C-alpha atoms as a PDB file:
ATOM      1  CA  MET A   1     103.171 100.732 103.291  1.00  0.00           C
ATOM      2  CA  MET A   2      99.681 102.088 102.784  1.00  0.00           C
ATOM      3  CA  ASP A   3      97.483 100.755 100.008  1.00  0.00           C
ATOM      4  CA  LYS A   4      96.838 102.938  97.009  1.00  0.00           C
ATOM      5  CA  ILE A   5      93.591 104.906  97.238  1.00  0.00           C
ATOM      6  CA  PRO A   6      91.714 105.107  93.934  1.00  0.00           C
ATOM      7  CA  MET A   7      90.258 108.475  92.962  1.00  0.00           C
ATOM      8  CA  THR A   8      89.390 110.513  89.917  1.00  0.00           C
ATOM      9  CA  PRO A   9      91.429 113.555  88.819  1.00  0.00           C
ATOM     10  CA  ASN A  10      88.612 115.840  90.071  1.00  0.00           C
ATOM     11  CA  GLY A  11      88.605 114.119  93.455  1.00  0.00           C
ATOM     12  CA  LEU A  12      92.360 114.611  93.822  1.00  0.00           C
ATOM     13  CA  LEU A  13      92.073 118.260  92.768  1.00  0.00           C
ATOM     14  CA  LYS A  14      89.420 118.951  95.430  1.00  0.00           C
ATOM     15  CA  LEU A  15      91.556 117.358  98.156  1.00  0.00           C
ATOM     16  CA  GLU A  16      94.602 119.351  97.029  1.00  0.00           C
ATOM     17  CA  GLU A  17      92.561 122.580  97.093  1.00  0.00           C
ATOM     18  CA  GLU A  18      91.296 121.824 100.610  1.00  0.00           C
ATOM     19  CA  LEU A  19      94.855 121.080 101.774  1.00  0.00           C
ATOM     20  CA  LYS A  20      96.165 124.320 100.257  1.00  0.00           C
ATOM     21  CA  ASN A  21      93.371 126.322 101.952  1.00  0.00           C
ATOM     22  CA  LEU A  22      94.071 124.719 105.325  1.00  0.00           C
ATOM     23  CA  LYS A  23      97.834 125.309 105.085  1.00  0.00           C
ATOM     24  CA  TYR A  24      97.858 128.831 103.684  1.00  0.00           C
ATOM     25  CA  ASN A  25      94.609 130.361 105.003  1.00  0.00           C
ATOM     26  CA  GLU A  26      93.162 128.444 107.956  1.00  0.00           C
ATOM     27  CA  ARG A  27      96.455 127.579 109.708  1.00  0.00           C
ATOM     28  CA  PRO A  28      97.838 131.169 109.722  1.00  0.00           C
ATOM     29  CA  ALA A  29      94.434 132.515 110.808  1.00  0.00           C
ATOM     30  CA  ILE A  30      94.218 130.147 113.788  1.00  0.00           C
ATOM     31  CA  ILE A  31      97.810 130.883 114.805  1.00  0.00           C
ATOM     32  CA  GLN A  32      96.876 134.582 114.822  1.00  0.00           C
ATOM     33  CA  ALA A  33      93.713 133.848 116.848  1.00  0.00           C
ATOM     34  CA  ILE A  34      95.743 131.873 119.413  1.00  0.00           C
ATOM     35  CA  SER A  35      98.241 134.716 119.679  1.00  0.00           C
ATOM     36  CA  GLU A  36      95.444 137.261 120.233  1.00  0.00           C
ATOM     37  CA  ALA A  37      93.710 135.031 122.794  1.00  0.00           C
ATOM     38  CA  ARG A  38      97.009 134.467 124.624  1.00  0.00           C
ATOM     39  CA  ALA A  39      97.419 138.238 124.900  1.00  0.00           C
ATOM     40  CA  LEU A  40      94.154 138.397 126.879  1.00  0.00           C
ATOM     41  CA  GLY A  41      95.915 136.929 129.909  1.00  0.00           C
ATOM     42  CA  ASP A  42      95.030 134.005 132.194  1.00  0.00           C
ATOM     43  CA  LEU A  43      94.927 130.963 129.900  1.00  0.00           C
ATOM     44  CA  SER A  44      93.206 128.659 132.417  1.00  0.00           C
ATOM     45  CA  GLU A  45      89.870 130.460 132.023  1.00  0.00           C
ATOM     46  CA  ASN A  46      90.346 131.847 128.528  1.00  0.00           C
ATOM     47  CA  ALA A  47      87.567 130.330 126.371  1.00  0.00           C
ATOM     48  CA  GLU A  48      88.845 132.007 123.172  1.00  0.00           C
ATOM     49  CA  TYR A  49      92.289 130.470 123.687  1.00  0.00           C
ATOM     50  CA  HIS A  50      90.933 126.961 124.356  1.00  0.00           C
ATOM     51  CA  SER A  51      88.529 127.178 121.408  1.00  0.00           C
ATOM     52  CA  ALA A  52      91.328 128.325 119.097  1.00  0.00           C
ATOM     53  CA  LYS A  53      93.654 125.549 120.322  1.00  0.00           C
ATOM     54  CA  GLU A  54      90.902 122.979 119.706  1.00  0.00           C
ATOM     55  CA  LYS A  55      90.362 124.311 116.186  1.00  0.00           C
ATOM     56  CA  GLN A  56      94.122 124.245 115.604  1.00  0.00           C
ATOM     57  CA  GLY A  57      94.187 120.563 116.583  1.00  0.00           C
ATOM     58  CA  PHE A  58      91.400 119.823 114.121  1.00  0.00           C
ATOM     59  CA  ILE A  59      93.151 121.739 111.307  1.00  0.00           C
ATOM     60  CA  GLU A  60      96.509 120.023 111.924  1.00  0.00           C
ATOM     61  CA  GLY A  61      94.795 116.617 112.038  1.00  0.00           C
ATOM     62  CA  ARG A  62      92.967 117.300 108.785  1.00  0.00           C
ATOM     63  CA  ILE A  63      96.204 118.498 107.111  1.00  0.00           C
ATOM     64  CA  SER A  64      97.950 115.270 108.162  1.00  0.00           C
ATOM     65  CA  TYR A  65      95.046 113.167 106.964  1.00  0.00           C
ATOM     66  CA  LEU A  66      94.837 114.928 103.576  1.00  0.00           C
ATOM     67  CA  GLU A  67      98.606 114.661 103.039  1.00  0.00           C
ATOM     68  CA  SER A  68      98.381 110.927 103.726  1.00  0.00           C
ATOM     69  CA  ILE A  69      95.426 110.411 101.348  1.00  0.00           C
ATOM     70  CA  ILE A  70      96.983 112.531  98.574  1.00  0.00           C
ATOM     71  CA  GLY A  71     100.296 110.698  98.996  1.00  0.00           C
ATOM     72  CA  SER A  72      98.527 107.359  98.528  1.00  0.00           C
ATOM     73  CA  ALA A  73      96.249 108.451  95.672  1.00  0.00           C
ATOM     74  CA  GLU A  74      96.051 106.350  92.544  1.00  0.00           C
ATOM     75  CA  VAL A  75      94.430 108.625  89.981  1.00  0.00           C
ATOM     76  CA  ILE A  76      92.178 106.862  87.497  1.00  0.00           C
ATOM     77  CA  ASP A  77      91.101 109.135  84.665  1.00  0.00           C
ATOM     78  CA  PRO A  78      87.720 108.135  83.228  1.00  0.00           C
ATOM     79  CA  LYS A  79      88.549 109.981  79.990  1.00  0.00           C
ATOM     80  CA  LYS A  80      91.233 107.355  79.323  1.00  0.00           C
ATOM     81  CA  MET A  81      88.799 104.469  79.745  1.00  0.00           C
ATOM     82  CA  SER A  82      86.098 103.033  77.534  1.00  0.00           C
ATOM     83  CA  GLY A  83      83.803 100.063  77.112  1.00  0.00           C
ATOM     84  CA  ASP A  84      80.431  98.842  78.319  1.00  0.00           C
ATOM     85  CA  VAL A  85      81.658  97.141  81.496  1.00  0.00           C
ATOM     86  CA  VAL A  86      81.229  99.086  84.736  1.00  0.00           C
ATOM     87  CA  ARG A  87      84.562  99.864  86.411  1.00  0.00           C
ATOM     88  CA  PHE A  88      85.880 102.525  88.761  1.00  0.00           C
ATOM     89  CA  SER A  89      85.159 106.054  87.426  1.00  0.00           C
ATOM     90  CA  ALA A  90      82.299 104.916  85.146  1.00  0.00           C
ATOM     91  CA  THR A  91      79.157 107.029  84.952  1.00  0.00           C
ATOM     92  CA  VAL A  92      76.273 104.578  84.984  1.00  0.00           C
ATOM     93  CA  THR A  93      72.600 105.203  84.244  1.00  0.00           C
ATOM     94  CA  ILE A  94      70.289 102.682  85.871  1.00  0.00           C
ATOM     95  CA  VAL A  95      66.524 102.337  85.979  1.00  0.00           C
ATOM     96  CA  ASP A  96      64.500 100.891  88.843  1.00  0.00           C
ATOM     97  CA  VAL A  97      62.723  97.871  87.324  1.00  0.00           C
ATOM     98  CA  GLU A  98      59.669  98.374  89.545  1.00  0.00           C
ATOM     99  CA  THR A  99      59.206 102.176  89.415  1.00  0.00           C
ATOM    100  CA  ASP A 100      60.967 103.115  86.116  1.00  0.00           C
ATOM    101  CA  GLU A 101      62.871 105.791  88.068  1.00  0.00           C
ATOM    102  CA  GLU A 102      66.225 106.568  86.428  1.00  0.00           C
ATOM    103  CA  LYS A 103      69.355 107.345  88.406  1.00  0.00           C
ATOM    104  CA  VAL A 104      72.812 108.355  87.247  1.00  0.00           C
ATOM    105  CA  TYR A 105      75.874 107.568  89.373  1.00  0.00           C
ATOM    106  CA  GLN A 106      79.600 107.964  88.923  1.00  0.00           C
ATOM    107  CA  ILE A 107      81.691 105.408  90.806  1.00  0.00           C
ATOM    108  CA  VAL A 108      84.437 107.274  92.658  1.00  0.00           C
ATOM    109  CA  GLY A 109      86.805 106.947  95.620  1.00  0.00           C
ATOM    110  CA  LYS A 110      85.636 107.073  99.229  1.00  0.00           C
ATOM    111  CA  GLU A 111      86.989 110.579  99.747  1.00  0.00           C
ATOM    112  CA  GLU A 112      85.041 112.057  96.835  1.00  0.00           C
ATOM    113  CA  ALA A 113      81.718 110.272  97.288  1.00  0.00           C
ATOM    114  CA  ASP A 114      78.817 112.749  97.299  1.00  0.00           C
ATOM    115  CA  LEU A 115      75.388 111.205  96.818  1.00  0.00           C
ATOM    116  CA  GLU A 116      73.711 114.594  96.245  1.00  0.00           C
ATOM    117  CA  HIS A 117      75.895 115.001  93.149  1.00  0.00           C
ATOM    118  CA  GLY A 118      75.536 111.392  91.981  1.00  0.00           C
ATOM    119  CA  LYS A 119      79.008 110.315  93.101  1.00  0.00           C
ATOM    120  CA  ILE A 120      79.041 106.993  94.940  1.00  0.00           C
ATOM    121  CA  SER A 121      81.967 105.235  96.604  1.00  0.00           C
ATOM    122  CA  PHE A 122      83.265 102.138  94.852  1.00  0.00           C
ATOM    123  CA  ASP A 123      82.617 100.168  98.029  1.00  0.00           C
ATOM    124  CA  SER A 124      78.961 101.219  98.390  1.00  0.00           C
ATOM    125  CA  PRO A 125      76.331  98.489  97.920  1.00  0.00           C
ATOM    126  CA  ILE A 126      75.150  99.948  94.588  1.00  0.00           C
ATOM    127  CA  ALA A 127      78.678 100.288  93.198  1.00  0.00           C
ATOM    128  CA  ARG A 128      79.626  96.769  94.316  1.00  0.00           C
ATOM    129  CA  ALA A 129      76.541  95.422  92.519  1.00  0.00           C
ATOM    130  CA  LEU A 130      77.379  97.423  89.353  1.00  0.00           C
ATOM    131  CA  ILE A 131      81.119  96.771  89.003  1.00  0.00           C
ATOM    132  CA  GLY A 132      81.836  94.105  86.410  1.00  0.00           C
ATOM    133  CA  LYS A 133      78.353  94.293  84.883  1.00  0.00           C
ATOM    134  CA  SER A 134      77.458  95.638  81.420  1.00  0.00           C
ATOM    135  CA  LYS A 135      74.772  97.672  79.712  1.00  0.00           C
ATOM    136  CA  GLY A 136      71.503  95.741  79.598  1.00  0.00           C
ATOM    137  CA  GLU A 137      72.236  93.595  82.659  1.00  0.00           C
ATOM    138  CA  GLU A 138      70.077  93.640  85.766  1.00  0.00           C
ATOM    139  CA  ILE A 139      71.419  93.983  89.289  1.00  0.00           C
ATOM    140  CA  THR A 140      69.864  93.553  92.703  1.00  0.00           C
ATOM    141  CA  VAL A 141      70.876  95.988  95.444  1.00  0.00           C
ATOM    142  CA  VAL A 142      70.076  95.113  99.025  1.00  0.00           C
ATOM    143  CA  SER A 143      69.187  98.298 100.888  1.00  0.00           C
ATOM    144  CA  PRO A 144      67.743  98.952 104.351  1.00  0.00           C
ATOM    145  CA  LYS A 145      64.311  99.054 102.662  1.00  0.00           C
ATOM    146  CA  GLY A 146      64.874  95.630 101.115  1.00  0.00           C
ATOM    147  CA  PRO A 147      66.194  94.400  97.743  1.00  0.00           C
ATOM    148  CA  ARG A 148      65.726  96.609  94.653  1.00  0.00           C
ATOM    149  CA  ASP A 149      66.224  95.515  91.052  1.00  0.00           C
ATOM    150  CA  TYR A 150      67.799  97.845  88.503  1.00  0.00           C
ATOM    151  CA  GLU A 151      68.667  97.576  84.818  1.00  0.00           C
ATOM    152  CA  ILE A 152      71.850  99.179  83.511  1.00  0.00           C
ATOM    153  CA  ILE A 153      70.830 101.600  80.733  1.00  0.00           C
ATOM    154  CA  SER A 154      74.245 103.023  79.881  1.00  0.00           C
ATOM    155  CA  VAL A 155      77.890 102.972  80.907  1.00  0.00           C
ATOM    156  CA  GLU A 156      80.016 105.993  80.060  1.00  0.00           C
ATOM    157  CA  TYR A 157      83.528 107.131  80.792  1.00  0.00           C
ATOM    158  CA  LYS A 158      83.708 110.907  80.670  1.00  0.00           C
END
């Protein structure tokens, strides 16, 4: 049996939307493209056919993968959590002790991590350093550029 995969409600919703799009839009469109390419004749030298078949393989693989992830999802709703201790789904504001630069991260599942939007995977170095700590504590994160010290300014569940 597969382990449960933690994710937020928003993360699950995005995966479900992607799955629905692949099943009801992308899959029928590629089946149509394969049918049209097949009608062009000789399949051995038919680039459109081979390209469409390759894309179909990718789509079917992604559908399988998403169904597996969604089936194993353990949804953790940050709105039902509280406290000052950093746990999965917390939104944490930290400040770089050396530069005073503030950063805000939400700790999410691997599938929903998106650094550009401040969402970091629970198994990332920063998240691992934060989990279990509280507001006011300092953490050290070892990055490729060397260790960085941060202070936890706030912990929110929203």
